[in-house]
Amino acid sequence: MSFDSFLGNEKAVRTVRDMLARGRVPGSMLFTGPEGVGKKTLAMMLSKALNCAEPGAEGSDFCGECDRCRRADDFLASGAEDAARRREIKDAHRRVEGLVYFDIQLIEPLTRYILIEQIRQLRATAYNQPFHLPRRVFIIDQAQAIHWQAADLLLKVLEEPPATTTLILICPQAYELRSTIRSRCFTLQFAPVEETVIERILGEERGFTKPQQALAARVVQGSIARAQTFDLNDFLLRRKPWLDFLDLVARPRSRPLAPGEWKTLFDTTKSLVTDSGGAEQTLKVGSGILQDLMQVIEEEKSPRVTHVDLVPRLKAWSQALGMAGIEKLAAGIEDIYRQQIRNANQQLSLDSLASNLLSSATGP
């Protein structure tokens, strides 16, 4: 394994390899960008490259097979296992008892936060010489979850960086971190992975057909992690009631609902809100269709939509609803989303939204 196996974000990979070749890897780095595009993977690769005994002629890669690379893999796996075990401990004091950090350490939130004890241990370990490898590397995943008191301790490490330690912070949005922390890190920006790469993964690893690849690649939005776990059948099941809902409410005034269709409509609204375990996911699917409708309105000739298999229906729905109807639909979905927290009657709101859309439908 080497950097050649990394998928997507070629610019980020080139930057890392150039730093290694010049021997100029910063002591503090920030990897930022969307979820699931390989930030943590590249950070772990870099931790091996900084210690590899066989880094290649230009010193810009890693072999993945030498003793140092294997140790790095072991350290990363042990760190992840230790964090998972500690998250299961209910007693807050015992959760952070006996923290020990390896030469390469993956640091993740143990609760909602990365705790002050975790960063205190980082600070205590960082200024010591590595035990087994030439360079110590700390990878702080979900750095935006660092507790504010822990952030103060981390800032002190960044202000006086240890000579033998590299810190890599991983965060979806750089602005979620304090400006004082950002300013002390070299920022490497990641982008969504190209659709061609995502489609290849879906085809080769998941066995998706071409039409399925086209749809799923848009839904996962450039995330390799989501592509590798995307459940197409579940997505289609959650989408089906929205299609039925829009077929019923997005129609011209000249085509009012028949009596039997009203029952179908109310059955549909019920199905959209009764899955308490996955209601949020179902609402997200609806929001995605809503965004497509807006795209169809704004980019009439060649809209870039997520639901590529629904383009004719999207055009028909958008024409029937108009921008005013789409905005009502947006407000309604947002209100239903808020009602999840208040445990209010979501179906009643959805029924009311459907009636409102039907009474204001436009068209010939």
Protein backbone atom coordinates (compact mmCIF):
# COMPACT_ATOMS: atom_id res chain seq x y z
CA MET A 1 0.00 0.00 0.00
CA SER A 2 1.13 3.55 -0.75
CA PHE A 3 -0.30 6.98 -1.55
CA ASP A 4 -1.12 5.59 -5.01
CA SER A 5 -3.98 3.65 -3.42
CA PHE A 6 -5.69 6.83 -2.17
CA LEU A 7 -8.89 7.64 -4.05
CA GLY A 8 -9.73 11.19 -5.09
CA ASN A 9 -8.33 14.53 -3.87
CA GLU A 10 -5.21 14.23 -5.99
CA LYS A 11 -4.18 17.79 -5.17
CA ALA A 12 -4.10 17.03 -1.43
CA VAL A 13 -2.06 13.89 -2.06
CA ARG A 14 0.41 15.79 -4.26
CA THR A 15 0.82 18.44 -1.56
CA VAL A 16 1.60 15.82 1.08
CA ARG A 17 4.05 13.97 -1.14
CA ASP A 18 5.81 17.20 -2.08
CA MET A 19 6.24 18.08 1.61
CA LEU A 20 7.71 14.66 2.31
CA ALA A 21 10.09 14.84 -0.67
CA ARG A 22 11.39 18.21 0.53
CA GLY A 23 11.50 17.14 4.17
CA ARG A 24 9.26 20.09 5.03
CA VAL A 25 6.19 18.56 6.69
CA PRO A 26 4.77 21.15 9.13
CA GLY A 27 4.58 20.26 12.80
CA SER A 28 0.90 21.20 12.94
CA MET A 29 -1.58 20.50 10.14
CA LEU A 30 -5.33 20.88 9.67
CA PHE A 31 -7.15 18.57 7.25
CA THR A 32 -10.55 20.07 6.47
CA GLY A 33 -13.37 19.28 4.05
CA PRO A 34 -16.57 17.23 3.69
CA GLU A 35 -17.15 14.05 5.66
CA GLY A 36 -16.10 10.78 4.09
CA VAL A 37 -13.60 12.08 1.53
CA GLY A 38 -10.48 10.53 3.09
CA LYS A 39 -9.11 13.13 5.52
CA LYS A 40 -8.46 10.61 8.28
CA THR A 41 -7.19 8.02 5.79
CA LEU A 42 -4.62 10.43 4.35
CA ALA A 43 -3.58 11.50 7.86
CA MET A 44 -2.93 7.87 8.79
CA MET A 45 -1.00 7.35 5.56
CA LEU A 46 1.10 10.41 6.34
CA SER A 47 1.84 9.09 9.83
CA LYS A 48 3.35 5.98 8.22
CA ALA A 49 5.22 7.95 5.56
CA LEU A 50 6.88 10.07 8.27
CA ASN A 51 8.27 6.88 9.84
CA CYS A 52 8.63 4.39 6.96
CA ALA A 53 11.99 2.66 6.63
CA GLU A 54 11.52 2.26 2.85
CA PRO A 55 9.92 5.53 1.67
CA GLY A 56 11.07 5.19 -1.95
CA ALA A 57 13.82 6.95 -3.86
CA GLU A 58 12.30 10.42 -3.48
CA GLY A 59 11.24 9.91 0.14
CA SER A 60 7.67 10.87 -0.73
CA ASP A 61 5.83 7.62 -0.06
CA PHE A 62 5.61 4.66 2.32
CA CYS A 63 5.89 0.92 1.72
CA GLY A 64 3.20 -0.28 4.12
CA GLU A 65 5.20 -3.48 4.74
CA CYS A 66 8.27 -2.61 6.81
CA ASP A 67 8.32 -3.06 10.57
CA ARG A 68 7.69 0.64 11.15
CA CYS A 69 4.64 0.71 8.88
CA ARG A 70 3.24 -2.38 10.56
CA ARG A 71 3.81 -0.83 13.97
CA ALA A 72 2.00 2.28 12.82
CA ASP A 73 -0.99 0.17 11.76
CA ASP A 74 -0.97 -1.59 15.13
CA PHE A 75 -0.81 1.71 17.04
CA LEU A 76 -3.70 3.20 15.07
CA ALA A 77 -5.84 0.09 15.51
CA SER A 78 -5.09 -0.07 19.23
CA GLY A 79 -5.94 3.60 19.67
CA ALA A 80 -9.30 3.15 17.93
CA GLU A 81 -10.11 0.05 19.99
CA ASP A 82 -9.19 1.80 23.23
CA ALA A 83 -11.42 4.77 22.38
CA ALA A 84 -14.35 2.47 21.54
CA ARG A 85 -13.91 0.62 24.84
CA ARG A 86 -13.76 3.83 26.85
CA ARG A 87 -16.92 5.19 25.21
CA GLU A 88 -18.80 2.21 26.70
CA ILE A 89 -17.75 3.14 30.27
CA LYS A 90 -20.54 5.03 32.02
CA ASP A 91 -18.46 6.39 34.90
CA ALA A 92 -16.95 9.68 33.70
CA HIS A 93 -13.84 9.35 35.89
CA ARG A 94 -13.10 5.77 34.89
CA ARG A 95 -13.56 6.67 31.22
CA VAL A 96 -10.25 8.55 31.19
CA GLU A 97 -8.34 6.41 33.69
CA GLY A 98 -4.94 5.18 32.61
CA LEU A 99 -4.71 6.92 29.26
CA VAL A 100 -1.53 5.84 27.48
CA TYR A 101 -0.59 7.18 24.05
CA PHE A 102 1.48 5.34 21.47
CA ASP A 103 4.02 6.87 19.09
CA ILE A 104 1.20 7.17 16.58
CA GLN A 105 -2.10 7.94 18.26
CA LEU A 106 -5.62 8.43 16.92
CA ILE A 107 -7.53 10.70 19.32
CA GLU A 108 -11.32 10.73 19.00
CA PRO A 109 -14.22 12.05 21.13
CA LEU A 110 -14.98 9.84 24.13
CA THR A 111 -18.28 11.61 24.76
CA ARG A 112 -19.70 14.52 22.80
CA TYR A 113 -16.27 16.04 23.34
CA ILE A 114 -12.58 15.34 23.16
CA LEU A 115 -11.94 15.73 26.87
CA ILE A 116 -9.38 17.83 28.68
CA GLU A 117 -7.70 14.65 30.02
CA GLN A 118 -7.14 13.46 26.44
CA ILE A 119 -5.38 16.67 25.42
CA ARG A 120 -3.51 16.78 28.73
CA GLN A 121 -2.13 13.31 27.95
CA LEU A 122 -1.24 14.47 24.44
CA ARG A 123 0.67 17.40 25.88
CA ALA A 124 2.47 15.24 28.44
CA THR A 125 3.50 12.69 25.80
CA ALA A 126 4.33 15.07 22.94
CA TYR A 127 7.46 16.51 24.53
CA ASN A 128 9.02 13.11 25.17
CA GLN A 129 11.10 11.22 22.64
CA PRO A 130 9.16 8.57 20.67
CA PHE A 131 9.60 5.05 22.06
CA HIS A 132 9.63 2.95 18.89
CA LEU A 133 9.50 5.20 15.83
CA PRO A 134 11.55 8.17 14.59
CA ARG A 135 8.57 10.53 14.82
CA ARG A 136 5.49 10.73 16.99
CA VAL A 137 2.21 11.61 15.22
CA PHE A 138 -1.04 12.60 16.93
CA ILE A 139 -4.17 12.54 14.73
CA ILE A 140 -7.06 14.40 16.35
CA ASP A 141 -10.24 13.34 14.55
CA GLN A 142 -13.36 15.53 14.86
CA ALA A 143 -11.20 18.33 16.25
CA GLN A 144 -14.26 20.61 16.38
CA ALA A 145 -15.39 18.48 19.35
CA ILE A 146 -12.43 19.49 21.52
CA HIS A 147 -13.77 20.82 24.83
CA TRP A 148 -13.08 24.53 25.22
CA GLN A 149 -10.82 23.92 28.23
CA ALA A 150 -8.94 21.25 26.30
CA ALA A 151 -8.57 23.68 23.39
CA ASP A 152 -6.58 25.99 25.67
CA LEU A 153 -4.13 23.18 26.41
CA LEU A 154 -3.84 22.23 22.74
CA LEU A 155 -3.11 25.83 21.83
CA LYS A 156 -0.12 25.79 24.18
CA VAL A 157 1.28 22.74 22.38
CA LEU A 158 0.78 24.43 19.01
CA GLU A 159 2.50 27.58 20.25
CA GLU A 160 5.57 25.56 21.32
CA PRO A 161 5.57 22.59 18.92
CA PRO A 162 7.70 19.61 19.99
CA ALA A 163 10.61 18.87 17.64
CA THR A 164 9.80 15.16 17.30
CA THR A 165 6.00 15.36 17.13
CA THR A 166 3.55 16.11 14.31
CA LEU A 167 -0.06 17.05 15.07
CA ILE A 168 -2.80 16.53 12.46
CA LEU A 169 -6.21 18.00 13.24
CA ILE A 170 -9.20 16.75 11.24
CA CYS A 171 -12.33 18.90 11.01
CA PRO A 172 -15.12 19.23 8.39
CA GLN A 173 -15.24 23.04 8.57
CA ALA A 174 -12.14 25.02 9.50
CA TYR A 175 -14.22 27.86 10.95
CA GLU A 176 -15.47 25.48 13.67
CA LEU A 177 -12.04 25.79 15.28
CA ARG A 178 -10.69 28.85 17.06
CA SER A 179 -8.85 31.25 14.82
CA THR A 180 -5.82 30.98 17.10
CA ILE A 181 -5.69 27.23 16.47
CA ARG A 182 -6.25 27.58 12.72
CA SER A 183 -3.52 30.18 12.41
CA ARG A 184 -0.94 27.79 13.86
CA CYS A 185 -1.71 24.97 11.44
CA PHE A 186 -0.97 24.39 7.80
CA THR A 187 -4.43 23.90 6.29
CA LEU A 188 -4.99 21.23 3.65
CA GLN A 189 -8.41 21.55 2.00
CA PHE A 190 -10.21 18.44 0.77
CA ALA A 191 -13.00 18.41 -1.82
CA PRO A 192 -15.82 15.97 -2.60
CA VAL A 193 -14.48 13.01 -4.57
CA GLU A 194 -15.17 13.05 -8.30
CA GLU A 195 -18.32 11.23 -9.40
CA THR A 196 -16.35 9.01 -11.76
CA VAL A 197 -14.38 7.66 -8.77
CA ILE A 198 -17.54 7.20 -6.70
CA GLU A 199 -19.28 5.40 -9.58
CA ARG A 200 -16.29 3.09 -9.97
CA ILE A 201 -16.47 2.16 -6.28
CA LEU A 202 -20.21 1.56 -6.51
CA GLY A 203 -19.75 -0.62 -9.58
CA GLU A 204 -16.64 -2.59 -8.63
CA GLU A 205 -17.16 -2.92 -4.87
CA ARG A 206 -20.94 -2.80 -4.55
CA GLY A 207 -22.10 -4.31 -7.84
CA PHE A 208 -24.42 -1.42 -8.72
CA THR A 209 -25.76 -1.16 -12.27
CA LYS A 210 -24.99 1.96 -14.33
CA PRO A 211 -28.33 3.66 -13.54
CA GLN A 212 -27.92 2.80 -9.87
CA GLN A 213 -24.38 4.19 -9.90
CA ALA A 214 -25.58 7.48 -11.41
CA LEU A 215 -28.24 7.94 -8.72
CA ALA A 216 -26.17 6.78 -5.75
CA ALA A 217 -23.15 8.87 -6.79
CA ARG A 218 -25.29 12.02 -6.63
CA VAL A 219 -26.87 11.03 -3.31
CA VAL A 220 -23.60 10.36 -1.46
CA GLN A 221 -22.24 13.75 -2.62
CA GLY A 222 -18.63 12.82 -3.19
CA SER A 223 -18.21 10.78 0.01
CA ILE A 224 -16.30 7.53 -0.39
CA ALA A 225 -17.35 6.43 3.10
CA ARG A 226 -21.03 6.88 2.24
CA ALA A 227 -20.58 5.17 -1.13
CA GLN A 228 -19.11 2.10 0.58
CA THR A 229 -22.06 1.81 2.98
CA PHE A 230 -24.92 3.30 0.96
CA ASP A 231 -28.10 1.20 1.22
CA LEU A 232 -29.88 1.78 -2.09
CA ASN A 233 -32.94 -0.30 -1.19
CA ASP A 234 -33.49 1.60 2.05
CA PHE A 235 -33.09 4.90 0.21
CA LEU A 236 -35.66 3.92 -2.43
CA LEU A 237 -38.10 2.78 0.26
CA ARG A 238 -37.81 6.13 2.03
CA ARG A 239 -38.18 7.98 -1.27
CA LYS A 240 -41.28 6.13 -2.50
CA PRO A 241 -43.81 7.90 -0.20
CA TRP A 242 -42.43 11.28 -1.28
CA LEU A 243 -42.99 10.36 -4.92
CA ASP A 244 -46.56 9.33 -4.14
CA PHE A 245 -47.07 12.51 -2.12
CA LEU A 246 -45.85 14.75 -4.94
CA ASP A 247 -47.79 12.83 -7.60
CA LEU A 248 -50.93 13.66 -5.61
CA VAL A 249 -50.30 17.27 -4.57
CA ALA A 250 -48.21 18.64 -7.46
CA ARG A 251 -50.99 18.82 -10.03
CA PRO A 252 -52.83 21.56 -11.95
CA ARG A 253 -56.10 22.92 -10.55
CA SER A 254 -57.88 21.37 -13.53
CA ARG A 255 -57.10 17.93 -12.07
CA PRO A 256 -58.46 17.92 -8.50
CA LEU A 257 -58.15 14.82 -6.34
CA ALA A 258 -60.86 12.20 -6.64
CA PRO A 259 -62.45 11.03 -3.33
CA GLY A 260 -60.42 7.82 -3.32
CA GLU A 261 -57.19 9.74 -3.89
CA TRP A 262 -57.69 11.71 -0.67
CA LYS A 263 -57.48 8.46 1.31
CA THR A 264 -54.33 7.53 -0.62
CA LEU A 265 -52.87 10.94 0.21
CA PHE A 266 -53.54 10.59 3.94
CA ASP A 267 -52.12 7.06 3.92
CA THR A 268 -49.02 8.50 2.26
CA THR A 269 -48.58 11.30 4.80
CA LYS A 270 -48.93 8.73 7.58
CA SER A 271 -46.20 6.55 6.09
CA LEU A 272 -43.87 9.55 5.89
CA VAL A 273 -43.96 10.24 9.64
CA THR A 274 -44.53 6.86 11.33
CA ASP A 275 -40.96 5.54 11.05
CA SER A 276 -39.75 7.03 14.33
CA GLY A 277 -36.34 5.38 14.04
CA GLY A 278 -35.60 6.78 10.60
CA ALA A 279 -37.87 9.84 10.39
CA GLU A 280 -34.89 12.16 10.09
CA GLN A 281 -33.49 10.20 7.16
CA THR A 282 -36.89 10.22 5.46
CA LEU A 283 -37.12 14.00 5.87
CA LYS A 284 -33.62 14.36 4.41
CA VAL A 285 -34.74 12.43 1.34
CA GLY A 286 -37.66 14.83 0.99
CA SER A 287 -35.36 17.81 1.33
CA GLY A 288 -33.17 16.38 -1.43
CA ILE A 289 -36.15 16.15 -3.78
CA LEU A 290 -37.07 19.72 -2.83
CA GLN A 291 -33.59 20.93 -3.78
CA ASP A 292 -33.97 19.19 -7.13
CA LEU A 293 -37.28 20.96 -7.74
CA MET A 294 -35.57 24.29 -7.11
CA GLN A 295 -32.80 23.34 -9.51
CA VAL A 296 -35.33 22.53 -12.19
CA ILE A 297 -36.97 25.93 -11.71
CA GLU A 298 -33.67 27.85 -11.72
CA GLU A 299 -31.81 25.83 -14.39
CA GLU A 300 -34.58 24.95 -16.79
CA LYS A 301 -32.43 23.74 -19.68
CA SER A 302 -29.92 21.45 -17.96
CA PRO A 303 -30.58 21.20 -14.22
CA ARG A 304 -28.04 19.28 -12.16
CA VAL A 305 -30.24 17.18 -9.93
CA THR A 306 -29.56 14.40 -7.44
CA HIS A 307 -32.50 12.22 -8.45
CA VAL A 308 -31.32 11.70 -12.02
CA ASP A 309 -33.88 8.95 -12.60
CA LEU A 310 -36.78 11.33 -11.90
CA VAL A 311 -36.08 14.23 -14.26
CA PRO A 312 -39.40 14.07 -16.21
CA ARG A 313 -41.40 13.88 -12.97
CA LEU A 314 -39.35 16.66 -11.36
CA LYS A 315 -40.13 18.91 -14.30
CA ALA A 316 -43.84 18.11 -14.10
CA TRP A 317 -43.95 18.67 -10.33
CA SER A 318 -42.04 21.95 -10.51
CA GLN A 319 -44.33 23.24 -13.25
CA ALA A 320 -47.43 22.37 -11.23
CA LEU A 321 -46.13 23.77 -7.92
CA GLY A 322 -44.29 26.83 -9.18
CA MET A 323 -41.76 28.59 -6.98
CA ALA A 324 -44.46 29.62 -4.49
CA GLY A 325 -45.53 26.01 -4.02
CA ILE A 326 -41.93 24.81 -3.68
CA GLU A 327 -41.30 27.44 -1.00
CA LYS A 328 -44.40 26.28 0.87
CA LEU A 329 -43.13 22.72 0.66
CA ALA A 330 -39.74 23.82 1.98
CA ALA A 331 -41.31 25.65 4.93
CA GLY A 332 -43.53 22.66 5.66
CA ILE A 333 -40.66 20.15 5.70
CA GLU A 334 -38.63 22.46 7.94
CA ASP A 335 -41.59 22.76 10.35
CA ILE A 336 -42.06 18.98 10.44
CA TYR A 337 -38.34 18.57 11.13
CA ARG A 338 -38.64 20.89 14.15
CA GLN A 339 -41.69 19.00 15.38
CA GLN A 340 -39.57 15.88 15.86
CA ILE A 341 -38.03 17.55 18.90
CA ARG A 342 -41.39 18.73 20.29
CA ASN A 343 -43.06 15.35 19.68
CA ALA A 344 -45.95 17.17 17.94
CA ASN A 345 -48.45 15.69 15.47
CA GLN A 346 -46.37 15.62 12.32
CA GLN A 347 -48.98 13.92 10.18
CA LEU A 348 -51.51 16.66 10.90
CA SER A 349 -48.97 19.23 9.71
CA LEU A 350 -48.21 17.19 6.59
CA ASP A 351 -51.93 16.80 5.83
CA SER A 352 -52.37 20.55 6.21
CA LEU A 353 -49.39 21.18 3.93
CA ALA A 354 -50.85 18.86 1.28
CA SER A 355 -54.22 20.64 1.38
CA ASN A 356 -52.48 23.99 1.14
CA LEU A 357 -50.46 22.90 -1.87
CA LEU A 358 -53.52 21.52 -3.61
CA SER A 359 -55.50 24.71 -3.06
CA SER A 360 -52.70 26.87 -4.51
CA ALA A 361 -51.58 24.60 -7.37
CA THR A 362 -50.76 26.37 -10.62
CA GLY A 363 -50.85 25.16 -14.15
CA PRO A 364 -53.01 25.07 -17.25
